[in-house]
Amino acid sequence: MKKSYIISFALFLSYFNALMFFNSCDRVTIDRTSPALATHQKDKKPDTPVPLGCIRAYFGDYYMSFSQQIETVQPVDSFSNVFVYGDCDYNEIIMTRRDSSFVLSIYLNGYSVESLPLNTPLPEEYGKYPVIDFYPADQWKWSDPVFYSLAYYIQKCIFIVTDKTDDILTGTFSGMLQSSSGDLLPMSEGEFKIKILRKKIACVQAK
């Protein structure tokens, strides 16, 4: 009986010492909180007037300037900055520029240079409206997931021409872009100053 008591007491001491040992250890807490993602600080807008031949704007928080033609031809042969018209009542103004990676294209469908109102947003009329496309230079198809165009149903495009002296169009624009995959990209504080060349095209009558 005494031997059994000693063994039970020894087991109790072992258990008690083990319990005290584990309780005396430092507790380690694992922080499973994900670190905050890095955010891009909004680019600073240049405080100088937009130069001739340039289109620039904020795309999200990134400020981008486009001043190169998309073709490797003489300016007179370029379709990067033209007013295309014909006797069949066809009118379209095209202003397209690129940087090293992206292209920005503005189409003023249904407008002649003479019909552009000044210092007021272009009205939304049947057959007369602005189109703005933004895409990587090597992915120009509308079906590409990184091809962005105006999303009129989300936000109205505000396009204002402030001057058109000597066919140099100057103005501002803003709106919401949407990719073919559904991603949204706000476009704000846009500016342009583009010399427009006039190109008359032959109209082919439908048979």
N, C-alpha and C. Protein backbone atom coordinates (compact mmCIF):
# COMPACT_ATOMS: atom_id res chain seq x y z
N MET A 1 0.84 -1.19 0.00
CA MET A 1 0.00 0.00 0.00
C MET A 1 0.87 1.24 0.00
N LYS A 2 1.91 1.25 0.79
CA LYS A 2 2.82 2.39 0.88
C LYS A 2 3.54 2.58 -0.42
N LYS A 3 3.95 1.49 -1.09
CA LYS A 3 4.67 1.58 -2.37
C LYS A 3 3.77 2.17 -3.44
N SER A 4 2.49 1.75 -3.42
CA SER A 4 1.55 2.29 -4.40
C SER A 4 1.32 3.77 -4.17
N TYR A 5 1.30 4.20 -2.96
CA TYR A 5 1.12 5.61 -2.63
C TYR A 5 2.28 6.43 -3.13
N ILE A 6 3.50 5.91 -2.93
CA ILE A 6 4.71 6.63 -3.37
C ILE A 6 4.71 6.79 -4.89
N ILE A 7 4.31 5.73 -5.60
CA ILE A 7 4.29 5.80 -7.08
C ILE A 7 3.26 6.82 -7.55
N SER A 8 2.07 6.82 -6.93
CA SER A 8 1.03 7.78 -7.31
C SER A 8 1.47 9.20 -7.03
N PHE A 9 2.16 9.41 -5.89
CA PHE A 9 2.64 10.75 -5.55
C PHE A 9 3.70 11.22 -6.53
N ALA A 10 4.58 10.27 -6.95
CA ALA A 10 5.64 10.61 -7.90
C ALA A 10 5.03 10.99 -9.25
N LEU A 11 4.01 10.27 -9.69
CA LEU A 11 3.35 10.61 -10.96
C LEU A 11 2.68 11.98 -10.87
N PHE A 12 2.09 12.27 -9.70
CA PHE A 12 1.46 13.58 -9.52
C PHE A 12 2.48 14.70 -9.61
N LEU A 13 3.66 14.50 -8.99
CA LEU A 13 4.71 15.52 -9.05
C LEU A 13 5.19 15.73 -10.48
N SER A 14 5.33 14.64 -11.22
CA SER A 14 5.78 14.75 -12.61
C SER A 14 4.77 15.55 -13.44
N TYR A 15 3.49 15.25 -13.27
CA TYR A 15 2.45 15.97 -14.00
C TYR A 15 2.42 17.44 -13.60
N PHE A 16 2.58 17.71 -12.28
CA PHE A 16 2.56 19.09 -11.81
C PHE A 16 3.73 19.88 -12.35
N ASN A 17 4.93 19.27 -12.33
CA ASN A 17 6.12 19.95 -12.85
C ASN A 17 6.00 20.23 -14.35
N ALA A 18 5.44 19.26 -15.07
CA ALA A 18 5.28 19.46 -16.52
C ALA A 18 4.29 20.60 -16.79
N LEU A 19 3.22 20.64 -16.01
CA LEU A 19 2.23 21.69 -16.18
C LEU A 19 2.83 23.06 -15.89
N MET A 20 3.63 23.16 -14.82
CA MET A 20 4.28 24.43 -14.49
C MET A 20 5.27 24.84 -15.56
N PHE A 21 5.95 23.86 -16.17
CA PHE A 21 6.96 24.15 -17.21
C PHE A 21 6.29 24.77 -18.44
N PHE A 22 5.19 24.16 -18.89
CA PHE A 22 4.53 24.66 -20.09
C PHE A 22 3.88 26.02 -19.85
N ASN A 23 3.35 26.20 -18.63
CA ASN A 23 2.74 27.50 -18.33
C ASN A 23 3.77 28.61 -18.21
N SER A 24 5.01 28.23 -17.91
CA SER A 24 6.05 29.26 -17.75
C SER A 24 6.66 29.67 -19.08
N CYS A 25 6.41 28.91 -20.17
CA CYS A 25 6.97 29.24 -21.48
C CYS A 25 6.27 30.46 -22.05
N ASP A 26 7.03 31.26 -22.84
CA ASP A 26 6.45 32.41 -23.51
C ASP A 26 5.45 31.95 -24.57
N ARG A 27 4.31 32.62 -24.63
CA ARG A 27 3.33 32.29 -25.63
C ARG A 27 3.63 33.05 -26.92
N VAL A 28 3.52 32.37 -28.05
CA VAL A 28 3.80 32.97 -29.36
C VAL A 28 2.48 33.21 -30.07
N THR A 29 2.21 34.44 -30.43
CA THR A 29 1.00 34.79 -31.15
C THR A 29 1.32 35.01 -32.61
N ILE A 30 0.63 34.32 -33.50
CA ILE A 30 0.87 34.45 -34.95
C ILE A 30 -0.11 35.45 -35.52
N ASP A 31 0.43 36.52 -36.11
CA ASP A 31 -0.40 37.55 -36.72
C ASP A 31 -0.72 37.13 -38.15
N ARG A 32 -1.98 36.86 -38.41
CA ARG A 32 -2.40 36.41 -39.73
C ARG A 32 -3.00 37.54 -40.57
N THR A 33 -2.85 38.78 -40.11
CA THR A 33 -3.38 39.92 -40.86
C THR A 33 -2.54 40.16 -42.10
N SER A 34 -3.18 40.28 -43.26
CA SER A 34 -2.45 40.54 -44.51
C SER A 34 -1.92 41.97 -44.52
N PRO A 35 -0.70 42.17 -45.00
CA PRO A 35 -0.16 43.53 -45.07
C PRO A 35 -0.95 44.36 -46.06
N ALA A 36 -1.02 45.65 -45.83
CA ALA A 36 -1.75 46.54 -46.73
C ALA A 36 -1.06 46.60 -48.09
N LEU A 37 -1.86 46.58 -49.14
CA LEU A 37 -1.30 46.65 -50.48
C LEU A 37 -0.78 48.05 -50.76
N ALA A 38 0.29 48.11 -51.51
CA ALA A 38 0.86 49.41 -51.88
C ALA A 38 -0.10 50.15 -52.80
N THR A 39 -0.32 51.43 -52.55
CA THR A 39 -1.21 52.24 -53.38
C THR A 39 -0.40 53.27 -54.14
N HIS A 40 -0.86 53.56 -55.35
CA HIS A 40 -0.15 54.54 -56.18
C HIS A 40 -0.62 55.94 -55.82
N GLN A 41 0.32 56.80 -55.48
CA GLN A 41 -0.01 58.19 -55.22
C GLN A 41 -0.34 58.88 -56.54
N LYS A 42 -1.37 59.71 -56.54
CA LYS A 42 -1.81 60.37 -57.76
C LYS A 42 -0.69 61.20 -58.36
N ASP A 43 -0.47 60.99 -59.66
CA ASP A 43 0.57 61.74 -60.36
C ASP A 43 0.26 63.23 -60.32
N LYS A 44 1.31 64.03 -60.36
CA LYS A 44 1.13 65.48 -60.40
C LYS A 44 0.94 65.93 -61.83
N LYS A 45 -0.07 66.74 -62.04
CA LYS A 45 -0.38 67.26 -63.37
C LYS A 45 0.57 68.41 -63.71
N PRO A 46 1.08 68.46 -64.94
CA PRO A 46 1.95 69.57 -65.33
C PRO A 46 1.21 70.90 -65.19
N ASP A 47 1.92 71.93 -64.76
CA ASP A 47 1.30 73.25 -64.60
C ASP A 47 1.55 74.14 -65.81
N THR A 48 1.87 73.54 -66.94
CA THR A 48 2.09 74.28 -68.18
C THR A 48 0.96 73.97 -69.16
N PRO A 49 0.66 74.89 -70.08
CA PRO A 49 -0.41 74.62 -71.07
C PRO A 49 -0.07 73.40 -71.92
N VAL A 50 -1.10 72.73 -72.39
CA VAL A 50 -0.90 71.56 -73.23
C VAL A 50 -0.20 72.00 -74.53
N PRO A 51 0.90 71.35 -74.90
CA PRO A 51 1.62 71.76 -76.11
C PRO A 51 0.89 71.33 -77.38
N LEU A 52 1.19 71.99 -78.48
CA LEU A 52 0.61 71.66 -79.77
C LEU A 52 0.99 70.23 -80.16
N GLY A 53 0.01 69.47 -80.62
CA GLY A 53 0.25 68.10 -81.03
C GLY A 53 0.11 67.09 -79.91
N CYS A 54 -0.45 67.49 -78.78
CA CYS A 54 -0.49 66.61 -77.60
C CYS A 54 -1.92 66.41 -77.11
N ILE A 55 -2.20 65.21 -76.61
CA ILE A 55 -3.42 64.89 -75.86
C ILE A 55 -2.96 64.30 -74.53
N ARG A 56 -3.53 64.75 -73.44
CA ARG A 56 -3.09 64.24 -72.14
C ARG A 56 -4.28 64.22 -71.17
N ALA A 57 -4.19 63.34 -70.17
CA ALA A 57 -5.29 63.18 -69.21
C ALA A 57 -4.86 62.29 -68.07
N TYR A 58 -5.69 62.28 -67.03
CA TYR A 58 -5.57 61.28 -65.96
C TYR A 58 -6.35 60.03 -66.36
N PHE A 59 -5.71 58.89 -66.17
CA PHE A 59 -6.37 57.59 -66.29
C PHE A 59 -6.25 56.93 -64.93
N GLY A 60 -7.34 57.01 -64.17
CA GLY A 60 -7.23 56.67 -62.76
C GLY A 60 -6.35 57.73 -62.09
N ASP A 61 -5.33 57.29 -61.38
CA ASP A 61 -4.39 58.22 -60.74
C ASP A 61 -3.13 58.45 -61.57
N TYR A 62 -3.08 57.86 -62.75
CA TYR A 62 -1.89 57.99 -63.60
C TYR A 62 -2.12 59.08 -64.64
N TYR A 63 -1.19 60.01 -64.74
CA TYR A 63 -1.28 61.08 -65.72
C TYR A 63 -0.42 60.71 -66.92
N MET A 64 -1.04 60.72 -68.11
CA MET A 64 -0.36 60.26 -69.31
C MET A 64 -0.47 61.31 -70.41
N SER A 65 0.62 61.46 -71.18
CA SER A 65 0.67 62.39 -72.30
C SER A 65 0.96 61.62 -73.58
N PHE A 66 0.25 61.98 -74.64
CA PHE A 66 0.39 61.32 -75.93
C PHE A 66 0.71 62.37 -76.99
N SER A 67 1.84 62.23 -77.65
CA SER A 67 2.25 63.26 -78.61
C SER A 67 2.84 62.70 -79.90
N GLN A 68 2.80 61.40 -80.08
CA GLN A 68 3.35 60.79 -81.30
C GLN A 68 2.24 60.36 -82.24
N GLN A 69 2.51 60.48 -83.56
CA GLN A 69 1.59 59.92 -84.54
C GLN A 69 1.63 58.40 -84.46
N ILE A 70 0.56 57.77 -84.89
CA ILE A 70 0.54 56.31 -84.90
C ILE A 70 1.15 55.75 -86.17
N GLU A 71 1.31 56.60 -87.22
CA GLU A 71 1.91 56.12 -88.47
C GLU A 71 3.31 56.71 -88.64
N THR A 72 4.11 56.04 -89.39
CA THR A 72 5.45 56.54 -89.70
C THR A 72 5.42 57.17 -91.09
N VAL A 73 4.65 58.24 -91.21
CA VAL A 73 4.52 58.96 -92.47
C VAL A 73 4.65 60.45 -92.19
N GLN A 74 4.70 61.24 -93.25
CA GLN A 74 4.72 62.69 -93.09
C GLN A 74 3.38 63.15 -92.54
N PRO A 75 3.36 64.23 -91.76
CA PRO A 75 2.10 64.69 -91.17
C PRO A 75 0.98 64.91 -92.18
N VAL A 76 1.34 65.38 -93.39
CA VAL A 76 0.32 65.64 -94.39
C VAL A 76 -0.37 64.35 -94.86
N ASP A 77 0.32 63.22 -94.71
CA ASP A 77 -0.24 61.93 -95.12
C ASP A 77 -0.85 61.15 -93.95
N SER A 78 -0.81 61.72 -92.80
CA SER A 78 -1.27 61.01 -91.61
C SER A 78 -2.78 61.10 -91.45
N PHE A 79 -3.35 60.07 -90.85
CA PHE A 79 -4.75 60.10 -90.45
C PHE A 79 -4.87 60.21 -88.93
N SER A 80 -3.80 60.67 -88.30
CA SER A 80 -3.81 60.83 -86.84
C SER A 80 -4.48 62.12 -86.40
N ASN A 81 -4.64 63.07 -87.31
CA ASN A 81 -5.25 64.35 -86.97
C ASN A 81 -5.89 64.95 -88.22
N VAL A 82 -7.10 64.47 -88.52
CA VAL A 82 -7.75 64.87 -89.77
C VAL A 82 -9.23 65.17 -89.56
N PHE A 83 -9.73 66.01 -90.46
CA PHE A 83 -11.17 66.17 -90.64
C PHE A 83 -11.49 65.53 -91.98
N VAL A 84 -12.19 64.40 -91.94
CA VAL A 84 -12.54 63.66 -93.15
C VAL A 84 -13.98 64.02 -93.53
N TYR A 85 -14.17 64.41 -94.79
CA TYR A 85 -15.51 64.82 -95.22
C TYR A 85 -15.72 64.42 -96.67
N GLY A 86 -16.98 64.43 -97.10
CA GLY A 86 -17.33 64.09 -98.47
C GLY A 86 -18.65 64.71 -98.87
N ASP A 87 -18.93 64.69 -100.16
CA ASP A 87 -20.17 65.27 -100.67
C ASP A 87 -21.40 64.49 -100.23
N CYS A 88 -21.20 63.30 -99.69
CA CYS A 88 -22.32 62.46 -99.24
C CYS A 88 -22.70 62.77 -97.80
N ASP A 89 -22.37 63.98 -97.34
CA ASP A 89 -22.70 64.42 -95.99
C ASP A 89 -22.02 63.56 -94.93
N TYR A 90 -20.77 63.18 -95.22
CA TYR A 90 -19.96 62.42 -94.26
C TYR A 90 -18.99 63.38 -93.58
N ASN A 91 -18.97 63.37 -92.24
CA ASN A 91 -18.07 64.21 -91.47
C ASN A 91 -17.53 63.44 -90.28
N GLU A 92 -16.23 63.50 -90.10
CA GLU A 92 -15.61 62.88 -88.93
C GLU A 92 -14.27 63.56 -88.65
N ILE A 93 -14.07 63.91 -87.38
CA ILE A 93 -12.80 64.48 -86.94
C ILE A 93 -12.07 63.42 -86.14
N ILE A 94 -10.81 63.17 -86.48
CA ILE A 94 -10.02 62.12 -85.82
C ILE A 94 -8.79 62.76 -85.19
N MET A 95 -8.59 62.51 -83.91
CA MET A 95 -7.39 62.95 -83.21
C MET A 95 -6.81 61.74 -82.47
N THR A 96 -5.70 61.23 -82.95
CA THR A 96 -5.08 60.04 -82.37
C THR A 96 -3.62 60.32 -82.06
N ARG A 97 -3.21 59.96 -80.88
CA ARG A 97 -1.81 60.09 -80.48
C ARG A 97 -1.43 58.88 -79.63
N ARG A 98 -0.14 58.64 -79.50
CA ARG A 98 0.36 57.54 -78.70
C ARG A 98 1.61 57.98 -77.94
N ASP A 99 1.94 57.20 -76.91
CA ASP A 99 3.24 57.33 -76.26
C ASP A 99 4.01 56.06 -76.59
N SER A 100 4.96 55.68 -75.76
CA SER A 100 5.77 54.50 -76.07
C SER A 100 5.00 53.20 -75.94
N SER A 101 3.86 53.22 -75.23
CA SER A 101 3.15 51.97 -74.96
C SER A 101 1.67 51.99 -75.30
N PHE A 102 1.01 53.14 -75.20
CA PHE A 102 -0.44 53.20 -75.32
C PHE A 102 -0.87 54.17 -76.42
N VAL A 103 -2.12 53.97 -76.87
CA VAL A 103 -2.74 54.81 -77.89
C VAL A 103 -4.01 55.41 -77.31
N LEU A 104 -4.24 56.69 -77.61
CA LEU A 104 -5.49 57.35 -77.26
C LEU A 104 -6.08 57.94 -78.54
N SER A 105 -7.30 57.52 -78.86
CA SER A 105 -7.96 57.98 -80.08
C SER A 105 -9.27 58.67 -79.73
N ILE A 106 -9.48 59.84 -80.36
CA ILE A 106 -10.72 60.60 -80.19
C ILE A 106 -11.36 60.76 -81.56
N TYR A 107 -12.62 60.36 -81.67
CA TYR A 107 -13.38 60.50 -82.91
C TYR A 107 -14.60 61.37 -82.62
N LEU A 108 -14.74 62.45 -83.38
CA LEU A 108 -15.93 63.29 -83.26
C LEU A 108 -16.81 62.99 -84.46
N ASN A 109 -17.69 62.02 -84.29
CA ASN A 109 -18.52 61.55 -85.39
C ASN A 109 -19.62 62.55 -85.72
N GLY A 110 -19.78 62.82 -87.02
CA GLY A 110 -20.85 63.70 -87.47
C GLY A 110 -20.53 65.18 -87.42
N TYR A 111 -19.34 65.54 -86.96
CA TYR A 111 -18.99 66.95 -86.81
C TYR A 111 -17.98 67.39 -87.87
N SER A 112 -18.20 68.58 -88.40
CA SER A 112 -17.18 69.29 -89.16
C SER A 112 -16.49 70.26 -88.22
N VAL A 113 -15.35 70.80 -88.63
CA VAL A 113 -14.67 71.78 -87.79
C VAL A 113 -15.59 72.99 -87.58
N GLU A 114 -16.29 73.39 -88.65
CA GLU A 114 -17.15 74.57 -88.58
C GLU A 114 -18.34 74.35 -87.64
N SER A 115 -18.83 73.13 -87.54
CA SER A 115 -20.03 72.88 -86.73
C SER A 115 -19.74 72.66 -85.25
N LEU A 116 -18.47 72.62 -84.87
CA LEU A 116 -18.14 72.39 -83.46
C LEU A 116 -18.52 73.61 -82.63
N PRO A 117 -19.35 73.44 -81.60
CA PRO A 117 -19.64 74.58 -80.72
C PRO A 117 -18.44 74.87 -79.82
N LEU A 118 -18.33 76.11 -79.40
CA LEU A 118 -17.21 76.51 -78.54
C LEU A 118 -17.67 76.71 -77.10
N ASN A 119 -16.82 76.27 -76.17
CA ASN A 119 -16.99 76.53 -74.74
C ASN A 119 -18.29 75.96 -74.18
N THR A 120 -18.76 74.89 -74.76
CA THR A 120 -19.94 74.20 -74.25
C THR A 120 -19.80 72.72 -74.57
N PRO A 121 -20.25 71.84 -73.70
CA PRO A 121 -20.11 70.41 -73.99
C PRO A 121 -20.80 70.03 -75.30
N LEU A 122 -20.18 69.14 -76.06
CA LEU A 122 -20.82 68.67 -77.28
C LEU A 122 -22.16 68.03 -76.93
N PRO A 123 -23.22 68.45 -77.59
CA PRO A 123 -24.52 67.86 -77.28
C PRO A 123 -24.61 66.43 -77.79
N GLU A 124 -25.42 65.64 -77.11
CA GLU A 124 -25.65 64.27 -77.55
C GLU A 124 -26.81 64.28 -78.54
N GLU A 125 -26.48 64.11 -79.81
CA GLU A 125 -27.48 64.12 -80.86
C GLU A 125 -27.33 62.86 -81.71
N TYR A 126 -28.40 62.52 -82.40
CA TYR A 126 -28.34 61.34 -83.26
C TYR A 126 -27.32 61.58 -84.36
N GLY A 127 -26.36 60.67 -84.47
CA GLY A 127 -25.33 60.77 -85.50
C GLY A 127 -24.20 61.70 -85.16
N LYS A 128 -24.26 62.36 -84.02
CA LYS A 128 -23.20 63.29 -83.61
C LYS A 128 -22.80 62.97 -82.17
N TYR A 129 -21.59 62.50 -81.98
CA TYR A 129 -21.16 62.11 -80.64
C TYR A 129 -19.65 61.86 -80.64
N PRO A 130 -18.99 62.04 -79.49
CA PRO A 130 -17.57 61.72 -79.39
C PRO A 130 -17.36 60.25 -79.05
N VAL A 131 -16.29 59.68 -79.56
CA VAL A 131 -15.85 58.33 -79.23
C VAL A 131 -14.40 58.42 -78.76
N ILE A 132 -14.08 57.81 -77.64
CA ILE A 132 -12.71 57.82 -77.13
C ILE A 132 -12.28 56.38 -76.84
N ASP A 133 -11.17 55.99 -77.42
CA ASP A 133 -10.61 54.64 -77.22
C ASP A 133 -9.22 54.76 -76.62
N PHE A 134 -8.91 53.85 -75.70
CA PHE A 134 -7.60 53.82 -75.02
C PHE A 134 -7.15 52.37 -74.94
N TYR A 135 -5.97 52.08 -75.45
CA TYR A 135 -5.54 50.68 -75.53
C TYR A 135 -4.03 50.58 -75.70
N PRO A 136 -3.43 49.44 -75.33
CA PRO A 136 -2.01 49.22 -75.60
C PRO A 136 -1.75 49.22 -77.10
N ALA A 137 -0.59 49.73 -77.49
CA ALA A 137 -0.30 49.89 -78.90
C ALA A 137 -0.31 48.57 -79.66
N ASP A 138 -0.04 47.46 -78.98
CA ASP A 138 0.00 46.17 -79.65
C ASP A 138 -1.27 45.35 -79.45
N GLN A 139 -2.30 45.97 -78.86
CA GLN A 139 -3.56 45.25 -78.64
C GLN A 139 -4.72 46.19 -79.00
N TRP A 140 -4.94 46.37 -80.29
CA TRP A 140 -5.85 47.39 -80.78
C TRP A 140 -7.23 46.86 -81.13
N LYS A 141 -7.48 45.57 -80.95
CA LYS A 141 -8.79 45.03 -81.27
C LYS A 141 -9.77 45.30 -80.13
N TRP A 142 -11.02 45.62 -80.51
CA TRP A 142 -12.03 45.94 -79.51
C TRP A 142 -12.26 44.77 -78.56
N SER A 143 -12.09 43.57 -79.04
CA SER A 143 -12.35 42.39 -78.21
C SER A 143 -11.25 42.10 -77.21
N ASP A 144 -10.09 42.76 -77.33
CA ASP A 144 -9.02 42.55 -76.37
C ASP A 144 -9.47 43.03 -74.99
N PRO A 145 -9.15 42.29 -73.93
CA PRO A 145 -9.64 42.66 -72.59
C PRO A 145 -9.06 43.96 -72.06
N VAL A 146 -8.01 44.50 -72.69
CA VAL A 146 -7.41 45.74 -72.22
C VAL A 146 -7.72 46.90 -73.16
N PHE A 147 -8.71 46.72 -74.03
CA PHE A 147 -9.17 47.79 -74.92
C PHE A 147 -10.31 48.52 -74.23
N TYR A 148 -10.12 49.83 -73.97
CA TYR A 148 -11.11 50.63 -73.25
C TYR A 148 -11.80 51.61 -74.19
N SER A 149 -13.09 51.80 -73.98
CA SER A 149 -13.86 52.79 -74.72
C SER A 149 -14.86 53.45 -73.78
N LEU A 150 -15.50 54.52 -74.25
CA LEU A 150 -16.40 55.27 -73.38
C LEU A 150 -17.59 54.42 -72.92
N ALA A 151 -17.93 54.59 -71.65
CA ALA A 151 -19.10 53.92 -71.06
C ALA A 151 -20.15 55.00 -70.79
N TYR A 152 -20.93 55.35 -71.82
CA TYR A 152 -21.91 56.43 -71.70
C TYR A 152 -22.96 56.14 -70.64
N TYR A 153 -23.33 54.87 -70.48
CA TYR A 153 -24.43 54.53 -69.57
C TYR A 153 -24.02 54.68 -68.11
N ILE A 154 -22.73 54.81 -67.84
CA ILE A 154 -22.26 54.98 -66.46
C ILE A 154 -21.98 56.45 -66.16
N GLN A 155 -21.34 57.12 -67.09
CA GLN A 155 -20.99 58.53 -66.87
C GLN A 155 -20.95 59.24 -68.22
N LYS A 156 -21.58 60.38 -68.29
CA LYS A 156 -21.61 61.14 -69.52
C LYS A 156 -20.21 61.68 -69.85
N CYS A 157 -19.84 61.62 -71.12
CA CYS A 157 -18.58 62.20 -71.55
C CYS A 157 -18.76 63.71 -71.72
N ILE A 158 -17.90 64.47 -71.06
CA ILE A 158 -17.92 65.93 -71.18
C ILE A 158 -16.78 66.32 -72.11
N PHE A 159 -17.12 66.71 -73.33
CA PHE A 159 -16.11 67.07 -74.33
C PHE A 159 -16.36 68.51 -74.77
N ILE A 160 -15.38 69.37 -74.54
CA ILE A 160 -15.53 70.80 -74.80
C ILE A 160 -14.40 71.29 -75.69
N VAL A 161 -14.75 71.96 -76.78
CA VAL A 161 -13.77 72.62 -77.63
C VAL A 161 -13.74 74.09 -77.24
N THR A 162 -12.56 74.57 -76.88
CA THR A 162 -12.43 75.95 -76.44
C THR A 162 -11.89 76.88 -77.52
N ASP A 163 -11.26 76.31 -78.55
CA ASP A 163 -10.73 77.14 -79.64
C ASP A 163 -10.53 76.27 -80.88
N LYS A 164 -10.76 76.83 -82.06
CA LYS A 164 -10.55 76.11 -83.32
C LYS A 164 -9.94 77.02 -84.39
N THR A 165 -9.24 78.05 -83.93
CA THR A 165 -8.60 78.99 -84.84
C THR A 165 -7.59 78.28 -85.72
N ASP A 166 -7.63 78.55 -87.02
CA ASP A 166 -6.70 77.96 -87.99
C ASP A 166 -6.72 76.43 -87.95
N ASP A 167 -7.87 75.86 -87.66
CA ASP A 167 -8.04 74.41 -87.59
C ASP A 167 -7.17 73.75 -86.52
N ILE A 168 -6.77 74.52 -85.53
CA ILE A 168 -6.10 73.95 -84.35
C ILE A 168 -7.16 73.80 -83.26
N LEU A 169 -7.51 72.55 -82.98
CA LEU A 169 -8.55 72.28 -81.99
C LEU A 169 -7.93 72.19 -80.60
N THR A 170 -8.47 72.98 -79.69
CA THR A 170 -8.02 72.99 -78.30
C THR A 170 -9.23 72.78 -77.41
N GLY A 171 -9.06 72.00 -76.35
CA GLY A 171 -10.19 71.79 -75.46
C GLY A 171 -9.92 70.82 -74.34
N THR A 172 -11.00 70.38 -73.72
CA THR A 172 -10.91 69.50 -72.54
C THR A 172 -11.91 68.35 -72.68
N PHE A 173 -11.69 67.28 -71.89
CA PHE A 173 -12.61 66.15 -71.91
C PHE A 173 -12.48 65.34 -70.63
N SER A 174 -13.54 64.60 -70.33
CA SER A 174 -13.54 63.67 -69.19
C SER A 174 -14.65 62.66 -69.42
N GLY A 175 -14.56 61.52 -68.72
CA GLY A 175 -15.58 60.50 -68.86
C GLY A 175 -15.14 59.21 -68.20
N MET A 176 -15.93 58.17 -68.38
CA MET A 176 -15.62 56.86 -67.82
C MET A 176 -15.35 55.88 -68.96
N LEU A 177 -14.23 55.18 -68.86
CA LEU A 177 -13.88 54.17 -69.84
C LEU A 177 -14.19 52.78 -69.28
N GLN A 178 -14.53 51.88 -70.18
CA GLN A 178 -14.80 50.50 -69.78
C GLN A 178 -14.15 49.56 -70.79
N SER A 179 -13.51 48.51 -70.27
CA SER A 179 -12.87 47.54 -71.14
C SER A 179 -13.90 46.53 -71.63
N SER A 180 -13.51 45.77 -72.65
CA SER A 180 -14.41 44.75 -73.17
C SER A 180 -14.66 43.65 -72.14
N SER A 181 -13.79 43.57 -71.12
CA SER A 181 -13.99 42.58 -70.06
C SER A 181 -14.76 43.15 -68.87
N GLY A 182 -15.15 44.45 -68.95
CA GLY A 182 -16.00 45.04 -67.92
C GLY A 182 -15.30 45.91 -66.90
N ASP A 183 -13.97 46.00 -66.94
CA ASP A 183 -13.23 46.84 -65.99
C ASP A 183 -13.46 48.32 -66.30
N LEU A 184 -13.56 49.13 -65.25
CA LEU A 184 -13.81 50.56 -65.40
C LEU A 184 -12.53 51.35 -65.15
N LEU A 185 -12.38 52.46 -65.88
CA LEU A 185 -11.21 53.32 -65.75
C LEU A 185 -11.67 54.77 -65.89
N PRO A 186 -11.69 55.54 -64.79
CA PRO A 186 -12.09 56.94 -64.90
C PRO A 186 -11.04 57.75 -65.65
N MET A 187 -11.51 58.64 -66.49
CA MET A 187 -10.64 59.52 -67.29
C MET A 187 -11.02 60.96 -66.95
N SER A 188 -10.05 61.74 -66.49
CA SER A 188 -10.38 63.09 -66.01
C SER A 188 -9.30 64.09 -66.39
N GLU A 189 -9.69 65.37 -66.36
CA GLU A 189 -8.80 66.51 -66.62
C GLU A 189 -8.07 66.36 -67.96
N GLY A 190 -8.77 65.82 -68.95
CA GLY A 190 -8.17 65.66 -70.26
C GLY A 190 -8.01 66.99 -70.99
N GLU A 191 -6.95 67.10 -71.77
CA GLU A 191 -6.68 68.30 -72.56
C GLU A 191 -6.14 67.88 -73.92
N PHE A 192 -6.38 68.71 -74.93
CA PHE A 192 -5.83 68.42 -76.25
C PHE A 192 -5.57 69.73 -77.00
N LYS A 193 -4.62 69.65 -77.90
CA LYS A 193 -4.32 70.77 -78.82
C LYS A 193 -3.73 70.15 -80.08
N ILE A 194 -4.57 70.00 -81.08
CA ILE A 194 -4.20 69.24 -82.27
C ILE A 194 -4.51 70.06 -83.53
N LYS A 195 -3.54 70.15 -84.42
CA LYS A 195 -3.73 70.76 -85.73
C LYS A 195 -4.43 69.76 -86.65
N ILE A 196 -5.58 70.18 -87.18
CA ILE A 196 -6.39 69.30 -88.01
C ILE A 196 -6.11 69.55 -89.49
N LEU A 197 -5.90 68.46 -90.24
CA LEU A 197 -5.75 68.52 -91.69
C LEU A 197 -7.07 68.08 -92.33
N ARG A 198 -7.43 68.71 -93.41
CA ARG A 198 -8.69 68.40 -94.08
C ARG A 198 -8.44 67.42 -95.22
N LYS A 199 -9.22 66.35 -95.24
CA LYS A 199 -9.10 65.34 -96.27
C LYS A 199 -10.49 65.02 -96.83
N LYS A 200 -10.67 65.31 -98.11
CA LYS A 200 -11.95 65.01 -98.76
C LYS A 200 -11.88 63.62 -99.36
N ILE A 201 -12.93 62.84 -99.14
CA ILE A 201 -12.97 61.49 -99.66
C ILE A 201 -14.07 61.39 -100.71
N ALA A 202 -13.90 60.45 -101.63
CA ALA A 202 -14.92 60.20 -102.65
C ALA A 202 -16.01 59.32 -102.04
N CYS A 203 -17.23 59.72 -102.23
CA CYS A 203 -18.35 58.95 -101.70
C CYS A 203 -18.81 57.96 -102.75
N VAL A 204 -18.96 56.73 -102.33
CA VAL A 204 -19.41 55.67 -103.23
C VAL A 204 -20.88 55.42 -102.97
N GLN A 205 -21.68 55.62 -103.98
CA GLN A 205 -23.13 55.41 -103.83
C GLN A 205 -23.44 53.91 -103.80
N ALA A 206 -24.27 53.51 -102.88
CA ALA A 206 -24.67 52.11 -102.78
C ALA A 206 -25.54 51.75 -103.98
N LYS A 207 -25.29 50.58 -104.55
CA LYS A 207 -26.05 50.12 -105.71
C LYS A 207 -27.31 49.37 -105.26
